[in-house]
């Protein structure tokens, strides 16, 4: 059921956690399902809660630049992670959909 998660570099993890965090905050509420999704992601790509604070401190454009340089396989992994995070609270908010479209478009330029 769960697809294989690629091995990401430190910079890629920071960028990914940055956009996942942005997605969670997009609708103005943090839901329990989203917290669970981040906990699962922490185990999948191996980071801790201190890492989230570091990821919040990088600029969005820097994060997108890092994501743009990732191979297609890693981008597909990230797309799946973002989809899972967006629906983890049982509903994909329009702000989440808009942000995801922006992220996908930006990293595939």
Protein backbone atom coordinates (compact mmCIF):
# COMPACT_ATOMS: atom_id res chain seq x y z
CA UNK A 1 0.00 0.00 0.00
CA UNK A 2 2.74 2.43 0.91
CA UNK A 3 5.21 3.30 -1.82
CA UNK A 4 8.95 3.23 -1.24
CA UNK A 5 10.27 6.55 0.00
CA UNK A 6 13.51 7.71 -1.63
CA UNK A 7 16.60 8.61 0.38
CA UNK A 8 16.76 12.40 0.59
CA UNK A 9 19.73 14.67 1.26
CA UNK A 10 19.70 17.03 4.25
CA UNK A 11 18.92 20.01 1.99
CA UNK A 12 16.08 18.09 0.31
CA UNK A 13 14.63 17.12 3.68
CA UNK A 14 14.73 20.76 4.85
CA UNK A 15 12.98 21.89 1.68
CA UNK A 16 10.38 19.11 1.90
CA UNK A 17 9.60 19.76 5.55
CA UNK A 18 9.36 23.48 4.75
CA UNK A 19 6.67 22.93 2.09
CA UNK A 20 4.83 20.29 4.16
CA UNK A 21 4.75 22.74 7.09
CA UNK A 22 3.47 25.48 4.75
CA UNK A 23 0.77 23.14 3.47
CA UNK A 24 -0.36 22.30 7.00
CA UNK A 25 -0.61 25.99 7.88
CA UNK A 26 -2.32 26.97 4.58
CA UNK A 27 -5.89 26.72 5.84
CA UNK A 28 -5.14 28.47 9.14
CA UNK A 29 -5.74 25.39 11.28
CA UNK A 30 -3.57 22.47 12.33
CA UNK A 31 -5.67 19.31 12.52
CA UNK A 32 -4.86 16.09 14.39
CA UNK A 33 -4.68 14.19 11.09
CA UNK A 34 -2.01 16.61 9.88
CA UNK A 35 -0.02 16.13 13.08
CA UNK A 36 -0.23 12.37 12.54
CA UNK A 37 0.88 12.79 8.91
CA UNK A 38 3.96 14.75 10.01
CA UNK A 39 4.75 12.13 12.67
CA UNK A 40 4.61 9.45 9.98
CA UNK A 41 6.79 11.55 7.68
CA UNK A 42 9.31 12.04 10.50
CA UNK A 43 9.75 8.26 10.62
CA UNK A 44 9.78 7.84 6.83
CA UNK A 45 12.49 10.36 5.99
CA UNK A 46 14.19 10.45 9.42
CA UNK A 47 13.93 13.87 11.05
CA UNK A 48 12.86 15.18 14.45
CA UNK A 49 10.82 18.11 15.76
CA UNK A 50 13.92 20.37 15.98
CA UNK A 51 14.32 19.85 12.25
CA UNK A 52 10.86 21.38 11.68
CA UNK A 53 12.06 24.61 13.31
CA UNK A 54 15.13 24.64 11.06
CA UNK A 55 12.97 24.03 8.00
CA UNK A 56 10.70 26.95 8.91
CA UNK A 57 13.74 29.25 8.86
CA UNK A 58 14.65 28.71 5.22
CA UNK A 59 13.12 30.97 2.59
CA UNK A 60 10.33 29.53 0.46
CA UNK A 61 12.17 30.37 -2.76
CA UNK A 62 15.26 28.57 -1.45
CA UNK A 63 13.13 25.51 -0.64
CA UNK A 64 11.57 25.54 -4.11
CA UNK A 65 15.00 25.90 -5.71
CA UNK A 66 16.21 22.79 -3.86
CA UNK A 67 13.06 20.86 -4.82
CA UNK A 68 13.47 21.92 -8.47
CA UNK A 69 16.90 20.22 -8.55
CA UNK A 70 15.63 16.88 -7.25
CA UNK A 71 15.36 13.94 -9.66
CA UNK A 72 11.86 13.13 -10.93
CA UNK A 73 11.53 10.07 -8.64
CA UNK A 74 12.02 12.23 -5.55
CA UNK A 75 9.58 14.84 -6.89
CA UNK A 76 6.97 12.09 -7.30
CA UNK A 77 7.60 11.00 -3.70
CA UNK A 78 7.10 14.57 -2.52
CA UNK A 79 3.89 14.92 -4.54
CA UNK A 80 2.53 11.80 -2.81
CA UNK A 81 3.60 13.11 0.59
CA UNK A 82 1.88 16.45 -0.02
CA UNK A 83 -1.31 14.74 -1.24
CA UNK A 84 -1.35 12.49 1.83
CA UNK A 85 -0.78 15.48 4.12
CA UNK A 86 -3.50 17.57 2.46
CA UNK A 87 -6.17 14.89 2.89
CA UNK A 88 -4.99 13.70 6.31
CA UNK A 89 -7.61 15.84 8.05
CA UNK A 90 -10.36 14.35 5.87
CA UNK A 91 -10.72 17.37 3.61
CA UNK A 92 -8.49 19.11 1.07
CA UNK A 93 -9.01 22.85 1.58
CA UNK A 94 -8.92 25.08 -1.50
CA UNK A 95 -5.93 26.95 -0.03
CA UNK A 96 -4.10 23.63 0.27
CA UNK A 97 -4.96 22.74 -3.34
CA UNK A 98 -3.75 26.14 -4.54
CA UNK A 99 -0.49 25.87 -2.60
CA UNK A 100 0.13 22.35 -3.88
CA UNK A 101 -0.44 23.47 -7.48
CA UNK A 102 2.05 26.32 -6.92
CA UNK A 103 4.65 23.96 -5.39
CA UNK A 104 4.26 21.37 -8.18
CA UNK A 105 4.49 24.04 -10.87
CA UNK A 106 7.50 25.70 -9.20
CA UNK A 107 9.51 22.53 -8.74
CA UNK A 108 8.89 21.35 -12.31
CA UNK A 109 10.05 24.55 -14.04
